[in-house]
Protein backbone atom coordinates (compact mmCIF):
# COMPACT_ATOMS: atom_id res chain seq x y z
CA MET A 1 0.00 0.00 0.00
CA SER A 2 1.28 3.50 -0.86
CA ARG A 3 2.65 5.74 1.86
CA ASP A 4 0.16 8.46 0.84
CA ARG A 5 -2.88 6.27 1.50
CA ASN A 6 -4.58 5.40 4.76
CA LEU A 7 -6.02 1.99 5.63
CA SER A 8 -9.21 2.61 3.63
CA GLY A 9 -7.12 3.42 0.54
CA GLU A 10 -7.91 7.14 0.55
CA ARG A 11 -5.41 9.96 0.70
CA SER A 12 -5.67 12.44 3.55
CA PRO A 13 -5.63 16.18 2.83
CA ARG A 14 -2.17 16.34 4.43
CA ASP A 15 -0.88 13.68 2.01
CA VAL A 16 -2.35 15.47 -0.99
CA ALA A 17 -0.82 18.79 0.13
CA ARG A 18 2.59 17.19 0.67
CA SER A 19 2.47 15.55 -2.76
CA LEU A 20 1.50 18.79 -4.50
CA ALA A 21 4.15 20.80 -2.64
CA THR A 22 6.86 18.33 -3.62
CA ARG A 23 5.73 18.37 -7.24
CA GLY A 24 5.71 22.20 -7.25
CA ARG A 25 9.21 22.41 -5.73
CA ASN A 26 10.57 20.01 -8.33
CA ARG A 27 8.96 21.96 -11.18
CA ARG A 28 10.31 25.30 -9.91
CA ARG A 29 13.77 23.80 -9.48
CA GLU A 30 13.75 22.71 -13.14
CA GLU A 31 12.45 26.07 -14.39
CA THR A 32 14.86 28.23 -12.38
CA ARG A 33 18.22 26.73 -13.16
CA PRO A 34 20.95 29.28 -12.39
CA HIS A 35 21.86 31.56 -15.24
CA ARG A 36 23.95 34.64 -15.79
CA VAL A 37 22.54 37.87 -14.44
CA ALA A 38 23.52 39.89 -17.50
CA GLY A 39 23.79 39.06 -21.17
CA SER A 40 22.06 36.44 -23.22
CA ARG A 41 21.81 32.69 -23.14
CA SER A 42 20.06 29.93 -24.94
CA ASP A 43 18.48 27.07 -22.99
CA GLY A 44 17.20 24.40 -25.32
CA MET A 45 14.83 26.12 -27.68
CA TRP A 46 14.41 29.37 -25.70
CA LYS A 47 16.49 32.48 -26.23
CA ARG A 48 16.77 34.61 -23.10
CA GLU A 49 18.25 38.01 -22.39
CA THR A 50 18.52 39.74 -19.02
CA PHE A 51 18.50 43.52 -18.64
CA THR A 52 18.96 45.92 -15.72
CA LEU A 53 17.55 49.33 -16.63
CA PRO A 54 15.76 52.30 -15.09
CA ARG A 55 11.98 51.79 -15.06
CA LEU A 56 11.12 53.86 -18.16
CA GLU A 57 13.96 52.36 -20.20
CA ALA A 58 12.91 48.87 -19.07
CA ARG A 59 9.39 49.50 -20.34
CA ALA A 60 10.76 50.79 -23.64
CA LYS A 61 13.04 47.75 -24.01
CA ALA A 62 10.15 45.34 -23.30
CA ARG A 63 7.95 47.13 -25.86
CA GLU A 64 10.81 46.96 -28.38
CA TRP A 65 11.13 43.20 -27.90
CA PHE A 66 7.38 42.61 -28.14
CA GLY A 67 7.37 44.72 -31.31
CA LYS A 68 10.28 42.83 -32.84
CA PHE A 69 9.22 39.39 -31.62
CA PRO A 70 5.39 39.29 -31.31
CA LYS A 71 4.03 37.04 -28.57
CA ALA A 72 1.75 35.17 -31.00
CA ALA A 73 4.66 34.11 -33.24
CA TYR A 74 7.64 33.86 -30.85
CA MET A 75 5.87 33.18 -27.52
CA THR A 76 7.76 36.17 -26.13
CA GLU A 77 7.28 36.81 -22.43
CA ILE A 78 8.84 38.52 -19.45
CA GLU A 79 10.06 35.43 -17.63
CA PHE A 80 11.27 37.15 -14.46
CA TRP A 81 11.45 40.68 -13.10
CA ARG A 82 12.27 42.46 -9.88
CA GLU A 83 12.78 46.00 -8.66
CA LEU A 84 16.27 46.64 -7.33
CA SER A 85 17.01 48.94 -4.39
CA GLY A 86 18.12 51.82 -6.64
CA GLY A 87 14.80 51.83 -8.48
CA GLU A 88 16.15 49.92 -11.47
CA ILE A 89 14.27 46.97 -12.92
CA GLU A 90 16.04 43.69 -13.61
CA PHE A 91 14.14 41.46 -16.01
CA THR A 92 14.62 38.46 -18.26
CA ILE A 93 12.79 38.17 -21.57
CA ARG A 94 12.49 34.84 -23.33
CA ARG A 95 11.34 33.96 -26.84
CA LEU A 96 11.53 31.21 -29.40
CA PRO A 97 14.42 31.59 -31.87
CA SER A 98 12.16 31.64 -34.93
CA ALA A 99 8.50 31.98 -35.80
CA ASP A 100 8.21 28.77 -37.83
């Protein structure tokens, strides 16, 4: 009998929560492999580039990328962003290499 099942064969809410938490941690670990803070990289089929810019320039850069690489064709998205202590925005944009 599985560890996540009680004597009647049903899973308790605690077991379900533990299972989901473990699955979520594993998924996040796979998605957030360490990468360089600045510059570009390619991970499998995704092309990524990380920028650290003042807020207005960050918005302009994101708009430029979405203009150059439309979301519908390249699946472009802001993968990660955060506001740094100096008011700058650090963000990573990812896209597919081509719109085949």
